Amino acid sequence: MLARIYRPAKNAMQSGKAATKVWLLEFEPTMAPRPEPLMGWISSADPDGQVRIRFDSKEAAIEFARAHTIPHQVIETPEPARQIKSYSDNFAFRRREPWSH
């Protein structure tokens, strides 16, 4: 029962980054999901697959896992390089290529 500790990715439908400031502790699935015979829905008998615990910091999540003797793996993703651009940069003199339609 290995747990993953990670920061979730930014939602592509929103411009804000509020959901990326929390850390999640989530358990790895122990068995593969299978289709239910009657309706064909995907189901799993693994109750740990539904557990997601939110933490304010990575250290708090690691401390929780160690206090409850949960084997864990910390996954850190690098911050993307942010390029601040404005509309006026399309017409700037320092532009390498001429702007055209």
Protein backbone atom coordinates (compact mmCIF):
# COMPACT_ATOMS: atom_id res chain seq x y z
CA MET A 1 0.00 0.00 0.00
CA LEU A 2 2.29 2.69 -1.34
CA ALA A 3 1.18 6.31 -1.06
CA ARG A 4 2.05 9.10 -3.49
CA ILE A 5 2.61 12.61 -2.18
CA TYR A 6 2.39 15.21 -4.92
CA ARG A 7 1.06 18.62 -5.94
CA PRO A 8 -1.78 18.43 -8.47
CA ALA A 9 -1.45 20.06 -11.86
CA LYS A 10 -3.20 23.29 -12.74
CA ASN A 11 -6.69 22.91 -14.13
CA ALA A 12 -6.64 23.65 -17.85
CA MET A 13 -10.10 25.22 -17.70
CA GLN A 14 -9.12 27.88 -15.16
CA SER A 15 -6.41 30.51 -15.19
CA GLY A 16 -5.83 30.54 -11.42
CA LYS A 17 -3.30 28.42 -9.56
CA ALA A 18 -5.07 28.13 -6.20
CA ALA A 19 -5.53 24.35 -6.43
CA THR A 20 -1.81 23.81 -7.04
CA LYS A 21 -0.72 25.11 -3.64
CA VAL A 22 -1.90 22.03 -1.72
CA TRP A 23 -0.18 18.66 -1.47
CA LEU A 24 -2.13 15.41 -1.85
CA LEU A 25 -1.53 12.01 -0.32
CA GLU A 26 -3.09 9.36 -2.54
CA PHE A 27 -2.71 5.58 -2.44
CA GLU A 28 -1.52 3.59 -5.43
CA PRO A 29 -4.13 1.13 -6.71
CA THR A 30 -3.46 -2.43 -5.53
CA MET A 31 -5.65 -4.07 -8.16
CA ALA A 32 -6.76 -3.16 -11.64
CA PRO A 33 -10.32 -1.88 -12.14
CA ARG A 34 -12.67 -4.26 -13.90
CA PRO A 35 -16.03 -3.87 -15.63
CA GLU A 36 -19.07 -4.79 -13.61
CA PRO A 37 -20.91 -7.70 -15.26
CA LEU A 38 -24.45 -6.27 -15.08
CA MET A 39 -24.06 -2.64 -16.20
CA GLY A 40 -20.53 -2.63 -17.62
CA TRP A 41 -19.36 0.21 -15.34
CA ILE A 42 -15.77 0.20 -14.21
CA SER A 43 -15.45 -0.79 -10.56
CA SER A 44 -12.76 -1.76 -8.10
CA ALA A 45 -12.75 -3.60 -4.79
CA ASP A 46 -9.90 -1.41 -3.53
CA PRO A 47 -11.25 0.98 -0.85
CA ASP A 48 -7.94 2.85 -0.59
CA GLY A 49 -8.35 4.14 -4.13
CA GLN A 50 -10.93 6.65 -2.90
CA VAL A 51 -8.73 8.19 -0.21
CA ARG A 52 -7.24 11.62 -0.99
CA ILE A 53 -5.88 13.64 1.91
CA ARG A 54 -4.97 17.31 1.43
CA PHE A 55 -2.08 19.02 3.21
CA ASP A 56 -0.83 22.59 3.23
CA SER A 57 2.81 21.58 2.88
CA LYS A 58 4.95 18.69 1.70
CA GLU A 59 6.49 18.31 5.15
CA ALA A 60 3.06 17.88 6.77
CA ALA A 61 2.16 15.12 4.31
CA ILE A 62 5.46 13.31 4.90
CA GLU A 63 5.05 13.65 8.67
CA PHE A 64 1.52 12.18 8.45
CA ALA A 65 2.74 9.22 6.40
CA ARG A 66 5.59 8.51 8.79
CA ALA A 67 3.38 8.84 11.87
CA HIS A 68 0.97 6.25 10.45
CA THR A 69 3.78 4.03 9.05
CA ILE A 70 2.61 4.41 5.46
CA PRO A 71 5.28 3.76 2.84
CA HIS A 72 5.32 6.82 0.63
CA GLN A 73 6.90 8.31 -2.46
CA VAL A 74 7.26 12.06 -2.95
CA ILE A 75 6.79 13.26 -6.53
CA GLU A 76 8.06 16.77 -7.14
CA THR A 77 7.34 18.53 -10.39
CA PRO A 78 9.40 21.55 -11.43
CA GLU A 79 7.73 24.93 -11.70
CA PRO A 80 7.07 25.84 -15.33
CA ALA A 81 8.99 28.79 -16.68
CA ARG A 82 6.54 31.63 -16.89
CA GLN A 83 6.75 33.99 -19.83
CA ILE A 84 4.93 37.26 -19.29
CA LYS A 85 3.87 38.68 -22.62
CA SER A 86 1.69 41.55 -23.62
CA TYR A 87 -0.12 42.47 -26.78
CA SER A 88 2.33 45.27 -27.49
CA ASP A 89 5.16 42.71 -27.74
CA ASN A 90 3.72 41.71 -31.13
CA PHE A 91 4.72 45.11 -32.51
CA ALA A 92 7.99 45.65 -30.63
CA PHE A 93 11.08 46.79 -32.50
CA ARG A 94 13.19 44.11 -30.81
CA ARG A 95 11.05 41.37 -32.35
CA ARG A 96 13.15 38.87 -34.36
CA GLU A 97 10.55 38.30 -37.08
CA PRO A 98 8.40 41.00 -38.63
CA TRP A 99 4.81 40.80 -37.49
CA SER A 100 2.30 40.09 -40.22
CA HIS A 101 -1.05 38.46 -40.69
